[in-house]
Amino acid sequence: MTLLAALGLVACGGDQKTPEEPEGPMENAGEKVDEAAEDTGEAAEEAADEADEAVEDAADKTEDAADEAQEETDDGDGE
């Protein structure tokens, strides 16, 4: 009986690797959609970063212009 149980365990515990199934057309299409979505996300993030930099540059220029205007106003007071 013990021998029968041991043989049963050996039979069940053998190499259970299954050969990889070839990818079908739907799986290939799904992978391409995933890649496109990832590329789109990366492009959107890059565009947002560039827009953020442009806004910061514009804010800096506006602040500089306001400072210059204030200096001109202060110099023209006659004080």
N, C-alpha and C. Protein backbone atom coordinates (compact mmCIF):
# COMPACT_ATOMS: atom_id res chain seq x y z
N MET A 1 0.82 -1.19 0.00
CA MET A 1 0.00 0.00 0.00
C MET A 1 0.87 1.25 0.00
N THR A 2 1.92 1.24 0.81
CA THR A 2 2.83 2.38 0.86
C THR A 2 3.51 2.57 -0.48
N LEU A 3 3.86 1.46 -1.11
CA LEU A 3 4.49 1.53 -2.42
C LEU A 3 3.55 2.14 -3.44
N LEU A 4 2.29 1.78 -3.39
CA LEU A 4 1.30 2.32 -4.31
C LEU A 4 1.13 3.83 -4.09
N ALA A 5 1.11 4.26 -2.84
CA ALA A 5 0.99 5.69 -2.55
C ALA A 5 2.22 6.45 -3.03
N ALA A 6 3.39 5.87 -2.84
CA ALA A 6 4.64 6.52 -3.28
C ALA A 6 4.66 6.66 -4.80
N LEU A 7 4.25 5.63 -5.50
CA LEU A 7 4.21 5.69 -6.97
C LEU A 7 3.21 6.74 -7.44
N GLY A 8 2.10 6.85 -6.73
CA GLY A 8 1.10 7.86 -7.08
C GLY A 8 1.63 9.27 -6.91
N LEU A 9 2.37 9.51 -5.84
CA LEU A 9 2.96 10.82 -5.62
C LEU A 9 4.03 11.16 -6.65
N VAL A 10 4.82 10.17 -7.01
CA VAL A 10 5.86 10.40 -8.02
C VAL A 10 5.21 10.72 -9.36
N ALA A 11 4.16 10.02 -9.68
CA ALA A 11 3.49 10.25 -10.96
C ALA A 11 2.87 11.65 -11.02
N CYS A 12 2.34 12.11 -9.89
CA CYS A 12 1.72 13.44 -9.86
C CYS A 12 2.75 14.56 -9.79
N GLY A 13 3.91 14.26 -9.24
CA GLY A 13 4.90 15.31 -9.04
C GLY A 13 5.92 15.40 -10.14
N GLY A 14 5.71 14.76 -11.23
CA GLY A 14 6.66 14.79 -12.33
C GLY A 14 6.75 16.16 -12.99
N ASP A 15 7.46 16.21 -14.05
CA ASP A 15 7.65 17.45 -14.79
C ASP A 15 6.30 17.92 -15.34
N GLN A 16 5.82 19.01 -14.79
CA GLN A 16 4.50 19.50 -15.20
C GLN A 16 4.59 20.72 -16.10
N LYS A 17 5.76 20.94 -16.66
CA LYS A 17 5.90 22.07 -17.57
C LYS A 17 5.13 21.78 -18.84
N THR A 18 4.41 22.77 -19.27
CA THR A 18 3.70 22.63 -20.53
C THR A 18 4.40 23.48 -21.57
N PRO A 19 4.47 23.01 -22.77
CA PRO A 19 5.12 23.82 -23.80
C PRO A 19 4.35 25.11 -24.01
N GLU A 20 5.11 26.18 -24.28
CA GLU A 20 4.45 27.47 -24.49
C GLU A 20 3.56 27.40 -25.72
N GLU A 21 2.38 27.95 -25.55
CA GLU A 21 1.47 27.99 -26.68
C GLU A 21 1.86 29.18 -27.55
N PRO A 22 1.80 29.01 -28.84
CA PRO A 22 2.12 30.15 -29.71
C PRO A 22 1.09 31.27 -29.52
N GLU A 23 1.58 32.49 -29.66
CA GLU A 23 0.67 33.63 -29.50
C GLU A 23 -0.26 33.70 -30.69
N GLY A 24 -1.51 33.97 -30.40
CA GLY A 24 -2.48 34.11 -31.46
C GLY A 24 -2.57 35.55 -31.92
N PRO A 25 -3.33 35.80 -32.97
CA PRO A 25 -3.43 37.16 -33.50
C PRO A 25 -4.05 38.14 -32.50
N MET A 26 -4.98 37.68 -31.67
CA MET A 26 -5.60 38.58 -30.69
C MET A 26 -4.59 38.98 -29.61
N GLU A 27 -3.76 38.03 -29.22
CA GLU A 27 -2.75 38.33 -28.21
C GLU A 27 -1.72 39.32 -28.77
N ASN A 28 -1.31 39.12 -30.03
CA ASN A 28 -0.39 40.06 -30.67
C ASN A 28 -1.01 41.45 -30.76
N ALA A 29 -2.27 41.51 -31.13
CA ALA A 29 -2.95 42.79 -31.24
C ALA A 29 -3.04 43.46 -29.87
N GLY A 30 -3.33 42.68 -28.85
CA GLY A 30 -3.41 43.22 -27.49
C GLY A 30 -2.08 43.80 -27.04
N GLU A 31 -0.99 43.10 -27.35
CA GLU A 31 0.33 43.60 -26.99
C GLU A 31 0.63 44.91 -27.71
N LYS A 32 0.25 45.01 -28.97
CA LYS A 32 0.48 46.24 -29.73
C LYS A 32 -0.34 47.39 -29.15
N VAL A 33 -1.56 47.10 -28.73
CA VAL A 33 -2.39 48.14 -28.10
C VAL A 33 -1.74 48.59 -26.79
N ASP A 34 -1.23 47.64 -26.01
CA ASP A 34 -0.55 47.98 -24.76
C ASP A 34 0.66 48.86 -25.02
N GLU A 35 1.46 48.51 -26.02
CA GLU A 35 2.64 49.30 -26.35
C GLU A 35 2.25 50.70 -26.82
N ALA A 36 1.21 50.79 -27.63
CA ALA A 36 0.77 52.09 -28.11
C ALA A 36 0.27 52.95 -26.96
N ALA A 37 -0.45 52.35 -26.03
CA ALA A 37 -0.95 53.10 -24.87
C ALA A 37 0.22 53.59 -24.02
N GLU A 38 1.22 52.76 -23.85
CA GLU A 38 2.39 53.16 -23.07
C GLU A 38 3.13 54.30 -23.77
N ASP A 39 3.31 54.19 -25.08
CA ASP A 39 3.98 55.25 -25.84
C ASP A 39 3.19 56.55 -25.75
N THR A 40 1.86 56.45 -25.85
CA THR A 40 1.01 57.64 -25.76
C THR A 40 1.13 58.28 -24.39
N GLY A 41 1.14 57.46 -23.36
CA GLY A 41 1.28 57.97 -21.99
C GLY A 41 2.60 58.68 -21.80
N GLU A 42 3.67 58.10 -22.34
CA GLU A 42 4.98 58.73 -22.23
C GLU A 42 5.02 60.05 -22.99
N ALA A 43 4.42 60.09 -24.17
CA ALA A 43 4.39 61.31 -24.96
C ALA A 43 3.58 62.39 -24.25
N ALA A 44 2.46 62.00 -23.64
CA ALA A 44 1.63 62.97 -22.91
C ALA A 44 2.39 63.51 -21.71
N GLU A 45 3.11 62.66 -21.02
CA GLU A 45 3.89 63.11 -19.86
C GLU A 45 4.98 64.08 -20.29
N GLU A 46 5.63 63.78 -21.39
CA GLU A 46 6.68 64.66 -21.91
C GLU A 46 6.09 66.01 -22.32
N ALA A 47 4.95 65.99 -22.98
CA ALA A 47 4.29 67.23 -23.38
C ALA A 47 3.88 68.05 -22.16
N ALA A 48 3.40 67.40 -21.13
CA ALA A 48 3.01 68.10 -19.90
C ALA A 48 4.22 68.74 -19.24
N ASP A 49 5.35 68.02 -19.24
CA ASP A 49 6.57 68.58 -18.66
C ASP A 49 7.03 69.81 -19.44
N GLU A 50 6.97 69.74 -20.77
CA GLU A 50 7.36 70.87 -21.60
C GLU A 50 6.42 72.06 -21.37
N ALA A 51 5.14 71.79 -21.24
CA ALA A 51 4.17 72.87 -21.00
C ALA A 51 4.42 73.50 -19.63
N ASP A 52 4.74 72.69 -18.65
CA ASP A 52 5.04 73.18 -17.31
C ASP A 52 6.25 74.11 -17.35
N GLU A 53 7.28 73.71 -18.08
CA GLU A 53 8.47 74.54 -18.21
C GLU A 53 8.13 75.86 -18.89
N ALA A 54 7.30 75.82 -19.93
CA ALA A 54 6.92 77.03 -20.64
C ALA A 54 6.14 77.97 -19.73
N VAL A 55 5.26 77.43 -18.91
CA VAL A 55 4.49 78.25 -17.97
C VAL A 55 5.42 78.89 -16.94
N GLU A 56 6.37 78.11 -16.44
CA GLU A 56 7.32 78.65 -15.47
C GLU A 56 8.17 79.77 -16.08
N ASP A 57 8.61 79.58 -17.34
CA ASP A 57 9.39 80.62 -18.02
C ASP A 57 8.56 81.88 -18.20
N ALA A 58 7.30 81.72 -18.59
CA ALA A 58 6.43 82.87 -18.78
C ALA A 58 6.20 83.60 -17.45
N ALA A 59 6.04 82.87 -16.38
CA ALA A 59 5.84 83.48 -15.07
C ALA A 59 7.09 84.24 -14.65
N ASP A 60 8.27 83.66 -14.91
CA ASP A 60 9.52 84.34 -14.57
C ASP A 60 9.65 85.65 -15.37
N LYS A 61 9.32 85.61 -16.65
CA LYS A 61 9.42 86.81 -17.49
C LYS A 61 8.42 87.88 -17.01
N THR A 62 7.23 87.45 -16.64
CA THR A 62 6.23 88.40 -16.15
C THR A 62 6.70 89.03 -14.85
N GLU A 63 7.26 88.24 -13.98
CA GLU A 63 7.77 88.76 -12.70
C GLU A 63 8.91 89.74 -12.94
N ASP A 64 9.82 89.40 -13.87
CA ASP A 64 10.93 90.30 -14.19
C ASP A 64 10.41 91.62 -14.75
N ALA A 65 9.42 91.55 -15.64
CA ALA A 65 8.85 92.76 -16.23
C ALA A 65 8.18 93.62 -15.15
N ALA A 66 7.49 92.99 -14.23
CA ALA A 66 6.83 93.72 -13.15
C ALA A 66 7.87 94.39 -12.24
N ASP A 67 8.97 93.70 -11.96
CA ASP A 67 10.04 94.27 -11.15
C ASP A 67 10.66 95.49 -11.85
N GLU A 68 10.89 95.37 -13.14
CA GLU A 68 11.45 96.50 -13.90
C GLU A 68 10.50 97.68 -13.91
N ALA A 69 9.22 97.42 -14.08
CA ALA A 69 8.24 98.51 -14.08
C ALA A 69 8.20 99.19 -12.71
N GLN A 70 8.30 98.40 -11.66
CA GLN A 70 8.29 98.96 -10.30
C GLN A 70 9.54 99.83 -10.08
N GLU A 71 10.69 99.37 -10.57
CA GLU A 71 11.91 100.14 -10.42
C GLU A 71 11.82 101.46 -11.17
N GLU A 72 11.26 101.43 -12.37
CA GLU A 72 11.09 102.65 -13.15
C GLU A 72 10.15 103.61 -12.45
N THR A 73 9.10 103.10 -11.85
CA THR A 73 8.13 103.93 -11.12
C THR A 73 8.80 104.54 -9.89
N ASP A 74 9.60 103.74 -9.18
CA ASP A 74 10.29 104.23 -7.99
C ASP A 74 11.33 105.28 -8.36
N ASP A 75 12.01 105.13 -9.48
CA ASP A 75 13.02 106.09 -9.91
C ASP A 75 12.39 107.39 -10.38
N GLY A 76 11.17 107.38 -10.82
CA GLY A 76 10.50 108.56 -11.35
C GLY A 76 9.75 109.34 -10.31
N ASP A 77 9.80 108.97 -9.03
CA ASP A 77 9.06 109.66 -7.98
C ASP A 77 9.67 111.00 -7.63
N GLY A 78 10.92 111.18 -7.89
CA GLY A 78 11.57 112.41 -7.50
C GLY A 78 12.03 112.39 -6.07
N GLU A 79 12.09 111.26 -5.49
CA GLU A 79 12.54 111.14 -4.10
C GLU A 79 14.02 111.01 -4.01
